[in-house]
C-alpha cells in the first residue's frame, strides 16, 4: 500500500515537471529541473550574470526558457566528422595552388 502512494507521488511530480516545462518563464527550482542542475547552481549562474534573469518585483527571480536554452547550447563541440570536413575545405585550396 505504501509503495502505491509513493509511485503516485512520483508520477504527479513528473506530471508537474512536465507541465512546468511548457511555461515560458521559470523560477529557480523549475530552471534547475529544466537544465538538470541544482538550485544552488542556478543561483550562482544568476549572481555571476552568466544567465540572463528577470526581477520584476525586485526580489524573486525568473528565467526565460529561451535564455536557458541558449545557455545550455552555447559551447557546442564539433564531431570528428565535422572537423574533418572543415579541414578538407582548408587543405583543398592549397593543393590547387601548386
C-alpha atoms as a PDB file:
ATOM      1  CA  UNK A   1       0.000   0.000   0.000  1.00  0.00           C
ATOM      2  CA  UNK A   2       2.818   2.387   0.859  1.00  0.00           C
ATOM      3  CA  UNK A   3       4.567   1.659  -2.447  1.00  0.00           C
ATOM      4  CA  UNK A   4       1.448   2.647  -4.402  1.00  0.00           C
ATOM      5  CA  UNK A   5       1.276   6.083  -2.780  1.00  0.00           C
ATOM      6  CA  UNK A   6       4.994   6.628  -3.396  1.00  0.00           C
ATOM      7  CA  UNK A   7       4.546   5.703  -7.057  1.00  0.00           C
ATOM      8  CA  UNK A   8       1.550   8.061  -7.372  1.00  0.00           C
ATOM      9  CA  UNK A   9       3.563  10.888  -5.810  1.00  0.00           C
ATOM     10  CA  UNK A  10       6.447  10.296  -8.217  1.00  0.00           C
ATOM     11  CA  UNK A  11       4.031  10.243 -11.146  1.00  0.00           C
ATOM     12  CA  UNK A  12       2.488  13.520 -10.026  1.00  0.00           C
ATOM     13  CA  UNK A  13       5.907  15.062  -9.653  1.00  0.00           C
ATOM     14  CA  UNK A  14       6.805  14.031 -13.198  1.00  0.00           C
ATOM     15  CA  UNK A  15       3.462  15.374 -14.443  1.00  0.00           C
ATOM     16  CA  UNK A  16       4.019  18.675 -12.617  1.00  0.00           C
ATOM     17  CA  UNK A  17       7.523  18.980 -14.011  1.00  0.00           C
ATOM     18  CA  UNK A  18       6.211  18.254 -17.492  1.00  0.00           C
ATOM     19  CA  UNK A  19       3.578  20.981 -17.123  1.00  0.00           C
ATOM     20  CA  UNK A  20       6.114  23.448 -15.753  1.00  0.00           C
ATOM     21  CA  UNK A  21       8.488  22.860 -18.656  1.00  0.00           C
ATOM     22  CA  UNK A  22       5.771  24.117 -21.007  1.00  0.00           C
ATOM     23  CA  UNK A  23       5.969  27.534 -19.311  1.00  0.00           C
ATOM     24  CA  UNK A  24       7.915  30.394 -20.912  1.00  0.00           C
ATOM     25  CA  UNK A  25       9.353  31.549 -17.569  1.00  0.00           C
ATOM     26  CA  UNK A  26      10.835  29.515 -14.720  1.00  0.00           C
ATOM     27  CA  UNK A  27      11.530  30.043 -11.044  1.00  0.00           C
ATOM     28  CA  UNK A  28      14.988  28.915  -9.870  1.00  0.00           C
ATOM     29  CA  UNK A  29      13.787  25.406  -8.833  1.00  0.00           C
ATOM     30  CA  UNK A  30      11.995  24.969 -12.162  1.00  0.00           C
ATOM     31  CA  UNK A  31      15.043  26.232 -14.080  1.00  0.00           C
ATOM     32  CA  UNK A  32      17.198  23.755 -12.166  1.00  0.00           C
ATOM     33  CA  UNK A  33      14.983  20.870 -13.256  1.00  0.00           C
ATOM     34  CA  UNK A  34      14.865  22.160 -16.827  1.00  0.00           C
ATOM     35  CA  UNK A  35      18.661  22.260 -17.280  1.00  0.00           C
ATOM     36  CA  UNK A  36      19.400  19.363 -14.899  1.00  0.00           C
ATOM     37  CA  UNK A  37      21.374  21.396 -12.394  1.00  0.00           C
ATOM     38  CA  UNK A  38      20.981  22.128  -8.694  1.00  0.00           C
ATOM     39  CA  UNK A  39      19.079  25.170  -7.463  1.00  0.00           C
ATOM     40  CA  UNK A  40      22.344  26.354  -5.925  1.00  0.00           C
ATOM     41  CA  UNK A  41      23.997  26.280  -9.349  1.00  0.00           C
ATOM     42  CA  UNK A  42      21.117  28.291 -10.808  1.00  0.00           C
ATOM     43  CA  UNK A  43      21.570  30.983  -8.160  1.00  0.00           C
ATOM     44  CA  UNK A  44      25.333  31.044  -8.781  1.00  0.00           C
ATOM     45  CA  UNK A  45      24.820  31.415 -12.527  1.00  0.00           C
ATOM     46  CA  UNK A  46      22.443  34.311 -11.989  1.00  0.00           C
ATOM     47  CA  UNK A  47      24.629  36.061  -9.401  1.00  0.00           C
ATOM     48  CA  UNK A  48      27.643  35.803 -11.737  1.00  0.00           C
ATOM     49  CA  UNK A  49      25.391  37.054 -14.567  1.00  0.00           C
ATOM     50  CA  UNK A  50      26.161  34.038 -16.718  1.00  0.00           C
ATOM     51  CA  UNK A  51      22.457  33.504 -17.407  1.00  0.00           C
ATOM     52  CA  UNK A  52      20.062  36.394 -18.032  1.00  0.00           C
ATOM     53  CA  UNK A  53      17.277  36.655 -15.472  1.00  0.00           C
ATOM     54  CA  UNK A  54      14.401  38.918 -14.538  1.00  0.00           C
ATOM     55  CA  UNK A  55      13.452  40.511 -11.210  1.00  0.00           C
ATOM     56  CA  UNK A  56      10.031  42.075 -11.748  1.00  0.00           C
ATOM     57  CA  UNK A  57       9.387  42.723  -8.052  1.00  0.00           C
ATOM     58  CA  UNK A  58      12.984  43.300  -7.095  1.00  0.00           C
ATOM     59  CA  UNK A  59      13.436  40.079  -5.112  1.00  0.00           C
ATOM     60  CA  UNK A  60      12.060  36.964  -6.805  1.00  0.00           C
ATOM     61  CA  UNK A  61      13.977  35.973  -9.933  1.00  0.00           C
ATOM     62  CA  UNK A  62      12.703  34.327 -13.093  1.00  0.00           C
ATOM     63  CA  UNK A  63      14.450  32.791 -16.070  1.00  0.00           C
ATOM     64  CA  UNK A  64      13.205  32.854 -19.648  1.00  0.00           C
ATOM     65  CA  UNK A  65      13.135  29.440 -21.282  1.00  0.00           C
ATOM     66  CA  UNK A  66      14.894  30.677 -24.433  1.00  0.00           C
ATOM     67  CA  UNK A  67      17.708  32.177 -22.314  1.00  0.00           C
ATOM     68  CA  UNK A  68      18.236  28.817 -20.603  1.00  0.00           C
ATOM     69  CA  UNK A  69      18.226  27.083 -23.987  1.00  0.00           C
ATOM     70  CA  UNK A  70      20.913  29.483 -25.228  1.00  0.00           C
ATOM     71  CA  UNK A  71      22.968  28.895 -22.092  1.00  0.00           C
ATOM     72  CA  UNK A  72      22.986  25.104 -22.390  1.00  0.00           C
ATOM     73  CA  UNK A  73      23.762  25.159 -26.120  1.00  0.00           C
ATOM     74  CA  UNK A  74      26.418  27.895 -26.111  1.00  0.00           C
ATOM     75  CA  UNK A  75      29.520  25.708 -26.201  1.00  0.00           C
ATOM     76  CA  UNK A  76      28.938  23.185 -28.918  1.00  0.00           C
ATOM     77  CA  UNK A  77      31.726  20.701 -29.538  1.00  0.00           C
ATOM     78  CA  UNK A  78      32.131  19.656 -33.159  1.00  0.00           C
ATOM     79  CA  UNK A  79      32.215  15.985 -34.079  1.00  0.00           C
ATOM     80  CA  UNK A  80      35.242  14.352 -35.712  1.00  0.00           C
ATOM     81  CA  UNK A  81      33.297  14.226 -38.978  1.00  0.00           C
ATOM     82  CA  UNK A  82      32.651  17.980 -38.889  1.00  0.00           C
ATOM     83  CA  UNK A  83      36.282  18.735 -38.057  1.00  0.00           C
ATOM     84  CA  UNK A  84      37.458  16.532 -40.943  1.00  0.00           C
ATOM     85  CA  UNK A  85      35.102  18.308 -43.358  1.00  0.00           C
ATOM     86  CA  UNK A  86      36.321  21.699 -42.207  1.00  0.00           C
ATOM     87  CA  UNK A  87      39.955  20.610 -42.518  1.00  0.00           C
ATOM     88  CA  UNK A  88      39.397  19.294 -46.049  1.00  0.00           C
ATOM     89  CA  UNK A  89      37.965  22.676 -47.085  1.00  0.00           C
ATOM     90  CA  UNK A  90      41.083  24.394 -45.817  1.00  0.00           C
ATOM     91  CA  UNK A  91      43.553  21.905 -47.308  1.00  0.00           C
ATOM     92  CA  UNK A  92      41.980  21.609 -50.798  1.00  0.00           C
ATOM     93  CA  UNK A  93      42.540  25.203 -51.928  1.00  0.00           C
ATOM     94  CA  UNK A  94      46.226  24.963 -51.006  1.00  0.00           C
ATOM     95  CA  UNK A  95      46.650  21.843 -53.126  1.00  0.00           C
ATOM     96  CA  UNK A  96      45.030  23.527 -56.118  1.00  0.00           C
ATOM     97  CA  UNK A  97      47.523  26.403 -55.955  1.00  0.00           C
ATOM     98  CA  UNK A  98      50.516  24.148 -56.584  1.00  0.00           C
END
